[in-house]
C-alpha atoms as a PDB file:
ATOM      1  CA  UNK A   1       0.105   0.271  -0.048  1.00  0.00           C
ATOM      2  CA  UNK A   2       2.757   2.183   0.792  1.00  0.00           C
ATOM      3  CA  UNK A   3       4.688   1.856  -2.616  1.00  0.00           C
ATOM      4  CA  UNK A   4       0.789   2.854  -4.142  1.00  0.00           C
ATOM      5  CA  UNK A   5       1.250   5.935  -1.951  1.00  0.00           C
ATOM      6  CA  UNK A   6       4.906   7.022  -2.750  1.00  0.00           C
ATOM      7  CA  UNK A   7       4.060   6.735  -6.662  1.00  0.00           C
ATOM      8  CA  UNK A   8       1.445   9.770  -5.974  1.00  0.00           C
ATOM      9  CA  UNK A   9       3.862  11.595  -4.369  1.00  0.00           C
ATOM     10  CA  UNK A  10       7.097  11.446  -7.030  1.00  0.00           C
ATOM     11  CA  UNK A  11       4.668  11.716  -9.840  1.00  0.00           C
ATOM     12  CA  UNK A  12       3.227  15.539  -8.166  1.00  0.00           C
ATOM     13  CA  UNK A  13       6.934  16.068  -7.483  1.00  0.00           C
ATOM     14  CA  UNK A  14       7.646  15.801 -10.622  1.00  0.00           C
ATOM     15  CA  UNK A  15       4.421  17.658 -11.974  1.00  0.00           C
ATOM     16  CA  UNK A  16       5.646  20.362  -9.472  1.00  0.00           C
ATOM     17  CA  UNK A  17       8.958  20.767 -11.071  1.00  0.00           C
ATOM     18  CA  UNK A  18       7.367  20.883 -14.352  1.00  0.00           C
ATOM     19  CA  UNK A  19       5.027  23.532 -13.578  1.00  0.00           C
ATOM     20  CA  UNK A  20       6.943  25.585 -11.685  1.00  0.00           C
ATOM     21  CA  UNK A  21       9.854  25.068 -14.891  1.00  0.00           C
ATOM     22  CA  UNK A  22       6.838  25.853 -17.164  1.00  0.00           C
ATOM     23  CA  UNK A  23       5.397  29.403 -15.053  1.00  0.00           C
ATOM     24  CA  UNK A  24       9.574  30.459 -15.235  1.00  0.00           C
ATOM     25  CA  UNK A  25       9.733  30.167 -18.793  1.00  0.00           C
ATOM     26  CA  UNK A  26       6.576  32.018 -19.427  1.00  0.00           C
ATOM     27  CA  UNK A  27       7.464  34.370 -17.050  1.00  0.00           C
ATOM     28  CA  UNK A  28      10.664  34.936 -19.109  1.00  0.00           C
ATOM     29  CA  UNK A  29       8.985  34.845 -22.747  1.00  0.00           C
ATOM     30  CA  UNK A  30       6.445  37.547 -21.554  1.00  0.00           C
ATOM     31  CA  UNK A  31       9.683  39.572 -20.874  1.00  0.00           C
ATOM     32  CA  UNK A  32      11.269  39.323 -23.497  1.00  0.00           C
ATOM     33  CA  UNK A  33       7.707  39.722 -25.622  1.00  0.00           C
ATOM     34  CA  UNK A  34       7.346  42.857 -23.437  1.00  0.00           C
ATOM     35  CA  UNK A  35      10.916  44.005 -24.670  1.00  0.00           C
ATOM     36  CA  UNK A  36      10.400  43.637 -28.168  1.00  0.00           C
ATOM     37  CA  UNK A  37       7.158  45.568 -28.423  1.00  0.00           C
ATOM     38  CA  UNK A  38       8.772  47.949 -26.538  1.00  0.00           C
ATOM     39  CA  UNK A  39      11.341  48.254 -29.062  1.00  0.00           C
ATOM     40  CA  UNK A  40       9.159  47.549 -31.853  1.00  0.00           C
ATOM     41  CA  UNK A  41       7.472  51.115 -30.734  1.00  0.00           C
ATOM     42  CA  UNK A  42      10.737  52.667 -30.517  1.00  0.00           C
ATOM     43  CA  UNK A  43      11.588  51.248 -34.196  1.00  0.00           C
ATOM     44  CA  UNK A  44       8.338  51.966 -35.573  1.00  0.00           C
ATOM     45  CA  UNK A  45       9.077  55.698 -34.745  1.00  0.00           C
ATOM     46  CA  UNK A  46      12.056  55.870 -36.096  1.00  0.00           C
ATOM     47  CA  UNK A  47      13.539  57.908 -38.848  1.00  0.00           C
ATOM     48  CA  UNK A  48      12.219  56.674 -42.483  1.00  0.00           C
ATOM     49  CA  UNK A  49      15.683  55.944 -43.439  1.00  0.00           C
ATOM     50  CA  UNK A  50      16.158  53.924 -40.587  1.00  0.00           C
ATOM     51  CA  UNK A  51      18.239  53.865 -37.657  1.00  0.00           C
ATOM     52  CA  UNK A  52      21.763  52.000 -39.397  1.00  0.00           C
ATOM     53  CA  UNK A  53      21.058  54.186 -42.730  1.00  0.00           C
ATOM     54  CA  UNK A  54      21.461  57.693 -40.093  1.00  0.00           C
ATOM     55  CA  UNK A  55      24.052  56.074 -38.514  1.00  0.00           C
ATOM     56  CA  UNK A  56      26.400  55.365 -41.500  1.00  0.00           C
ATOM     57  CA  UNK A  57      25.537  57.857 -43.603  1.00  0.00           C
ATOM     58  CA  UNK A  58      26.306  60.594 -40.830  1.00  0.00           C
ATOM     59  CA  UNK A  59      30.144  59.264 -41.287  1.00  0.00           C
ATOM     60  CA  UNK A  60      29.881  60.149 -44.935  1.00  0.00           C
ATOM     61  CA  UNK A  61      31.513  63.724 -46.041  1.00  0.00           C
ATOM     62  CA  UNK A  62      28.017  65.865 -46.541  1.00  0.00           C
ATOM     63  CA  UNK A  63      28.023  66.239 -50.316  1.00  0.00           C
ATOM     64  CA  UNK A  64      28.364  62.126 -50.307  1.00  0.00           C
ATOM     65  CA  UNK A  65      25.856  61.846 -47.427  1.00  0.00           C
ATOM     66  CA  UNK A  66      23.257  63.952 -49.680  1.00  0.00           C
ATOM     67  CA  UNK A  67      23.365  61.790 -53.152  1.00  0.00           C
ATOM     68  CA  UNK A  68      23.427  58.407 -50.812  1.00  0.00           C
ATOM     69  CA  UNK A  69      20.360  59.905 -48.866  1.00  0.00           C
ATOM     70  CA  UNK A  70      18.572  61.371 -52.315  1.00  0.00           C
ATOM     71  CA  UNK A  71      19.006  57.748 -54.172  1.00  0.00           C
ATOM     72  CA  UNK A  72      17.145  56.191 -50.755  1.00  0.00           C
ATOM     73  CA  UNK A  73      14.315  58.419 -50.862  1.00  0.00           C
ATOM     74  CA  UNK A  74      13.524  58.606 -54.092  1.00  0.00           C
ATOM     75  CA  UNK A  75      12.770  54.854 -54.308  1.00  0.00           C
ATOM     76  CA  UNK A  76      11.265  54.732 -50.742  1.00  0.00           C
ATOM     77  CA  UNK A  77       8.128  53.943 -52.465  1.00  0.00           C
ATOM     78  CA  UNK A  78       9.275  50.724 -53.543  1.00  0.00           C
ATOM     79  CA  UNK A  79      10.701  49.358 -50.312  1.00  0.00           C
ATOM     80  CA  UNK A  80       8.622  51.335 -47.790  1.00  0.00           C
ATOM     81  CA  UNK A  81       5.486  49.201 -47.486  1.00  0.00           C
ATOM     82  CA  UNK A  82       7.507  45.851 -47.355  1.00  0.00           C
ATOM     83  CA  UNK A  83       9.585  47.952 -44.256  1.00  0.00           C
ATOM     84  CA  UNK A  84       5.892  48.960 -43.007  1.00  0.00           C
ATOM     85  CA  UNK A  85       5.085  44.782 -43.515  1.00  0.00           C
ATOM     86  CA  UNK A  86       8.063  43.761 -40.857  1.00  0.00           C
ATOM     87  CA  UNK A  87       6.665  45.925 -38.335  1.00  0.00           C
ATOM     88  CA  UNK A  88       3.322  44.267 -38.907  1.00  0.00           C
ATOM     89  CA  UNK A  89       4.552  40.931 -38.794  1.00  0.00           C
ATOM     90  CA  UNK A  90       6.901  41.357 -35.872  1.00  0.00           C
ATOM     91  CA  UNK A  91       4.027  42.501 -33.697  1.00  0.00           C
ATOM     92  CA  UNK A  92       1.427  39.403 -35.409  1.00  0.00           C
ATOM     93  CA  UNK A  93       4.859  37.406 -33.986  1.00  0.00           C
ATOM     94  CA  UNK A  94       4.493  38.814 -30.586  1.00  0.00           C
ATOM     95  CA  UNK A  95       0.951  38.163 -30.146  1.00  0.00           C
ATOM     96  CA  UNK A  96       1.572  34.712 -31.108  1.00  0.00           C
ATOM     97  CA  UNK A  97       4.641  33.874 -28.683  1.00  0.00           C
ATOM     98  CA  UNK A  98       2.184  35.730 -26.117  1.00  0.00           C
ATOM     99  CA  UNK A  99      -1.033  33.708 -26.603  1.00  0.00           C
ATOM    100  CA  UNK A 100      -2.214  31.497 -24.348  1.00  0.00           C
ATOM    101  CA  UNK A 101      -2.164  28.601 -24.024  1.00  0.00           C
ATOM    102  CA  UNK A 102       0.821  28.368 -26.281  1.00  0.00           C
ATOM    103  CA  UNK A 103       0.201  27.559 -30.246  1.00  0.00           C
ATOM    104  CA  UNK A 104       3.401  26.240 -31.333  1.00  0.00           C
ATOM    105  CA  UNK A 105       1.948  25.775 -35.211  1.00  0.00           C
ATOM    106  CA  UNK A 106       0.449  29.489 -34.958  1.00  0.00           C
ATOM    107  CA  UNK A 107       3.624  30.908 -33.804  1.00  0.00           C
ATOM    108  CA  UNK A 108       5.343  28.581 -36.398  1.00  0.00           C
ATOM    109  CA  UNK A 109       3.633  30.658 -38.967  1.00  0.00           C
ATOM    110  CA  UNK A 110       3.858  33.939 -37.804  1.00  0.00           C
ATOM    111  CA  UNK A 111       7.501  33.152 -37.564  1.00  0.00           C
ATOM    112  CA  UNK A 112       7.659  32.245 -41.151  1.00  0.00           C
ATOM    113  CA  UNK A 113       5.604  35.635 -42.443  1.00  0.00           C
ATOM    114  CA  UNK A 114       8.223  37.549 -40.090  1.00  0.00           C
ATOM    115  CA  UNK A 115      10.912  35.783 -41.746  1.00  0.00           C
ATOM    116  CA  UNK A 116       8.733  36.502 -45.073  1.00  0.00           C
ATOM    117  CA  UNK A 117       8.437  40.326 -44.742  1.00  0.00           C
ATOM    118  CA  UNK A 118      12.411  40.373 -44.040  1.00  0.00           C
ATOM    119  CA  UNK A 119      12.787  38.560 -47.309  1.00  0.00           C
ATOM    120  CA  UNK A 120      10.648  40.509 -49.116  1.00  0.00           C
ATOM    121  CA  UNK A 121      12.055  44.036 -47.636  1.00  0.00           C
ATOM    122  CA  UNK A 122      15.499  43.506 -48.695  1.00  0.00           C
ATOM    123  CA  UNK A 123      14.042  42.214 -52.689  1.00  0.00           C
ATOM    124  CA  UNK A 124      12.759  45.934 -52.895  1.00  0.00           C
ATOM    125  CA  UNK A 125      15.601  48.027 -50.983  1.00  0.00           C
ATOM    126  CA  UNK A 126      18.823  46.282 -52.311  1.00  0.00           C
ATOM    127  CA  UNK A 127      18.096  47.894 -56.086  1.00  0.00           C
ATOM    128  CA  UNK A 128      18.148  51.051 -53.894  1.00  0.00           C
ATOM    129  CA  UNK A 129      21.184  50.855 -51.656  1.00  0.00           C
ATOM    130  CA  UNK A 130      22.686  49.397 -54.444  1.00  0.00           C
ATOM    131  CA  UNK A 131      22.075  52.616 -56.653  1.00  0.00           C
ATOM    132  CA  UNK A 132      22.766  54.369 -54.201  1.00  0.00           C
ATOM    133  CA  UNK A 133      25.887  53.478 -53.180  1.00  0.00           C
ATOM    134  CA  UNK A 134      27.077  54.065 -56.558  1.00  0.00           C
ATOM    135  CA  UNK A 135      26.752  57.369 -56.345  1.00  0.00           C
ATOM    136  CA  UNK A 136      29.704  57.449 -53.712  1.00  0.00           C
ATOM    137  CA  UNK A 137      33.009  57.894 -54.351  1.00  0.00           C
ATOM    138  CA  UNK A 138      35.908  55.278 -53.047  1.00  0.00           C
ATOM    139  CA  UNK A 139      36.620  56.856 -50.096  1.00  0.00           C
ATOM    140  CA  UNK A 140      33.125  57.272 -49.778  1.00  0.00           C
ATOM    141  CA  UNK A 141      32.322  53.468 -49.612  1.00  0.00           C
ATOM    142  CA  UNK A 142      35.012  53.087 -47.691  1.00  0.00           C
ATOM    143  CA  UNK A 143      34.115  55.238 -44.897  1.00  0.00           C
ATOM    144  CA  UNK A 144      30.356  53.132 -45.185  1.00  0.00           C
ATOM    145  CA  UNK A 145      32.127  50.196 -44.644  1.00  0.00           C
ATOM    146  CA  UNK A 146      34.107  51.454 -41.602  1.00  0.00           C
ATOM    147  CA  UNK A 147      30.843  52.836 -40.202  1.00  0.00           C
ATOM    148  CA  UNK A 148      28.722  49.410 -40.620  1.00  0.00           C
ATOM    149  CA  UNK A 149      31.551  47.432 -38.712  1.00  0.00           C
ATOM    150  CA  UNK A 150      32.171  49.987 -36.121  1.00  0.00           C
ATOM    151  CA  UNK A 151      27.723  49.599 -35.648  1.00  0.00           C
ATOM    152  CA  UNK A 152      28.119  45.232 -35.580  1.00  0.00           C
ATOM    153  CA  UNK A 153      27.630  44.336 -32.096  1.00  0.00           C
ATOM    154  CA  UNK A 154      30.111  41.852 -31.202  1.00  0.00           C
ATOM    155  CA  UNK A 155      29.683  38.277 -31.352  1.00  0.00           C
ATOM    156  CA  UNK A 156      27.788  36.625 -28.592  1.00  0.00           C
ATOM    157  CA  UNK A 157      29.511  34.340 -26.689  1.00  0.00           C
ATOM    158  CA  UNK A 158      27.955  30.460 -26.185  1.00  0.00           C
ATOM    159  CA  UNK A 159      28.463  28.616 -23.215  1.00  0.00           C
ATOM    160  CA  UNK A 160      28.935  25.640 -25.642  1.00  0.00           C
ATOM    161  CA  UNK A 161      31.493  26.912 -27.624  1.00  0.00           C
ATOM    162  CA  UNK A 162      33.876  28.225 -23.802  1.00  0.00           C
END
């Protein structure tokens, strides 16, 4: 009889661990989604040319920066709608992640839509960016490369690789 009582206790203890891990994971994901939503609002309020473009353009000599930005501005009708769809897809992904109960298929579909929104954006932005690069002198392109390298965050260290 005591063997019959011990099994449910062990089961309850294991279930409690799983429940605790689930609560901790949900709190972590809620914080992550909240941070991304706040970051998303800040990114949505960024200037139309985007913070990365603004940062790297600021390193160019004034005349080159003007030509570069002008070329991107002229083509904005081609890429801005796709850029806006990235924001919509990001919000849909955040909503799917925050959904209760967790729906893996819904999150996966939202994640695929988010990835596709980026591919669509770059398919439209790349020609404008390439044209804008063509307006720069070799020194301007070198300055742009340096700005991109400086703005790149250092690679993340992964515990498994240390």
